[in-house]
Amino acid sequence: MTPAQRKYDQDLALSLRNMAQWIEPRSRKVSGTLTLAADRIEALSASIPIDQPASQPDQARPEPVRN
């Protein structure tokens, strides 16, 4: 997982929590479902290590040959 993917997951979970708070007065069941989804997304995201860059400067791929 890249840092950008982790950030996306965190933002998604936060959005779900905000929506859960907003909808709670209307439906506690839906609010609970959104909160549960946010919890699961956070747990899954936290369990996956953040990848290191795919290549280092000394391992960079050469430029393609142009004809």
C-alpha atoms as a PDB file:
ATOM      1  CA  MET A   1       0.000   0.000   0.000  1.00  0.00           C
ATOM      2  CA  THR A   2       1.317   3.402  -0.896  1.00  0.00           C
ATOM      3  CA  PRO A   3       1.097   6.395   1.433  1.00  0.00           C
ATOM      4  CA  ALA A   4      -1.496   7.899  -0.933  1.00  0.00           C
ATOM      5  CA  GLN A   5      -3.662   4.775  -0.655  1.00  0.00           C
ATOM      6  CA  ARG A   6      -3.412   4.878   3.140  1.00  0.00           C
ATOM      7  CA  LYS A   7      -4.416   8.575   3.112  1.00  0.00           C
ATOM      8  CA  TYR A   8      -7.381   7.750   0.873  1.00  0.00           C
ATOM      9  CA  ASP A   9      -8.522   5.024   3.291  1.00  0.00           C
ATOM     10  CA  GLN A  10      -8.193   7.381   6.259  1.00  0.00           C
ATOM     11  CA  ASP A  11     -10.164  10.087   4.460  1.00  0.00           C
ATOM     12  CA  LEU A  12     -12.853   7.585   3.483  1.00  0.00           C
ATOM     13  CA  ALA A  13     -13.194   6.334   7.059  1.00  0.00           C
ATOM     14  CA  LEU A  14     -13.432   9.910   8.336  1.00  0.00           C
ATOM     15  CA  SER A  15     -16.130  10.705   5.774  1.00  0.00           C
ATOM     16  CA  LEU A  16     -18.095   7.626   6.806  1.00  0.00           C
ATOM     17  CA  ARG A  17     -17.875   8.657  10.471  1.00  0.00           C
ATOM     18  CA  ASN A  18     -19.039  12.191   9.641  1.00  0.00           C
ATOM     19  CA  MET A  19     -21.959  10.808   7.658  1.00  0.00           C
ATOM     20  CA  ALA A  20     -22.803   8.458  10.536  1.00  0.00           C
ATOM     21  CA  GLN A  21     -23.007  11.392  12.949  1.00  0.00           C
ATOM     22  CA  TRP A  22     -25.115  13.389  10.530  1.00  0.00           C
ATOM     23  CA  ILE A  23     -27.619  10.571   9.910  1.00  0.00           C
ATOM     24  CA  GLU A  24     -27.777   9.225  13.480  1.00  0.00           C
ATOM     25  CA  PRO A  25     -30.867  11.262  14.493  1.00  0.00           C
ATOM     26  CA  ARG A  26     -32.755   9.759  11.546  1.00  0.00           C
ATOM     27  CA  SER A  27     -31.500   6.171  11.624  1.00  0.00           C
ATOM     28  CA  ARG A  28     -29.321   4.639  14.300  1.00  0.00           C
ATOM     29  CA  LYS A  29     -29.116   1.413  12.310  1.00  0.00           C
ATOM     30  CA  VAL A  30     -27.637   3.125   9.240  1.00  0.00           C
ATOM     31  CA  SER A  31     -25.364   5.196  11.475  1.00  0.00           C
ATOM     32  CA  GLY A  32     -24.085   2.029  13.135  1.00  0.00           C
ATOM     33  CA  THR A  33     -23.471   0.403   9.767  1.00  0.00           C
ATOM     34  CA  LEU A  34     -21.444   3.403   8.568  1.00  0.00           C
ATOM     35  CA  THR A  35     -19.416   3.440  11.778  1.00  0.00           C
ATOM     36  CA  LEU A  36     -18.741  -0.292  11.467  1.00  0.00           C
ATOM     37  CA  ALA A  37     -17.599   0.177   7.862  1.00  0.00           C
ATOM     38  CA  ALA A  38     -15.237   2.965   8.961  1.00  0.00           C
ATOM     39  CA  ASP A  39     -13.823   0.747  11.727  1.00  0.00           C
ATOM     40  CA  ARG A  40     -13.184  -2.092   9.295  1.00  0.00           C
ATOM     41  CA  ILE A  41     -11.557   0.147   6.694  1.00  0.00           C
ATOM     42  CA  GLU A  42      -9.241   1.599   9.348  1.00  0.00           C
ATOM     43  CA  ALA A  43      -8.350  -1.852  10.689  1.00  0.00           C
ATOM     44  CA  LEU A  44      -7.601  -3.252   7.238  1.00  0.00           C
ATOM     45  CA  SER A  45      -5.619  -0.206   6.218  1.00  0.00           C
ATOM     46  CA  ALA A  46      -3.550  -0.293   9.405  1.00  0.00           C
ATOM     47  CA  SER A  47      -2.773  -4.003   8.968  1.00  0.00           C
ATOM     48  CA  ILE A  48      -1.137  -3.503   5.548  1.00  0.00           C
ATOM     49  CA  PRO A  49       2.422  -2.167   5.581  1.00  0.00           C
ATOM     50  CA  ILE A  50       3.278   0.932   3.598  1.00  0.00           C
ATOM     51  CA  ASP A  51       5.362   0.094   0.523  1.00  0.00           C
ATOM     52  CA  GLN A  52       8.777   1.518  -0.037  1.00  0.00           C
ATOM     53  CA  PRO A  53       9.437   3.270  -3.346  1.00  0.00           C
ATOM     54  CA  ALA A  54       9.559   0.790  -6.210  1.00  0.00           C
ATOM     55  CA  SER A  55      13.020   1.820  -7.326  1.00  0.00           C
ATOM     56  CA  GLN A  56      15.988   3.663  -5.974  1.00  0.00           C
ATOM     57  CA  PRO A  57      18.001   6.112  -8.125  1.00  0.00           C
ATOM     58  CA  ASP A  58      20.653   3.462  -8.813  1.00  0.00           C
ATOM     59  CA  GLN A  59      17.947   0.962  -9.822  1.00  0.00           C
ATOM     60  CA  ALA A  60      15.975   3.265 -12.103  1.00  0.00           C
ATOM     61  CA  ARG A  61      14.928   1.874 -15.469  1.00  0.00           C
ATOM     62  CA  PRO A  62      16.824   3.198 -18.473  1.00  0.00           C
ATOM     63  CA  GLU A  63      15.062   5.524 -20.880  1.00  0.00           C
ATOM     64  CA  PRO A  64      13.425   3.702 -23.802  1.00  0.00           C
ATOM     65  CA  VAL A  65      15.310   3.830 -27.077  1.00  0.00           C
ATOM     66  CA  ARG A  66      13.590   6.092 -29.607  1.00  0.00           C
ATOM     67  CA  ASN A  67      13.958   5.472 -33.297  1.00  0.00           C
END
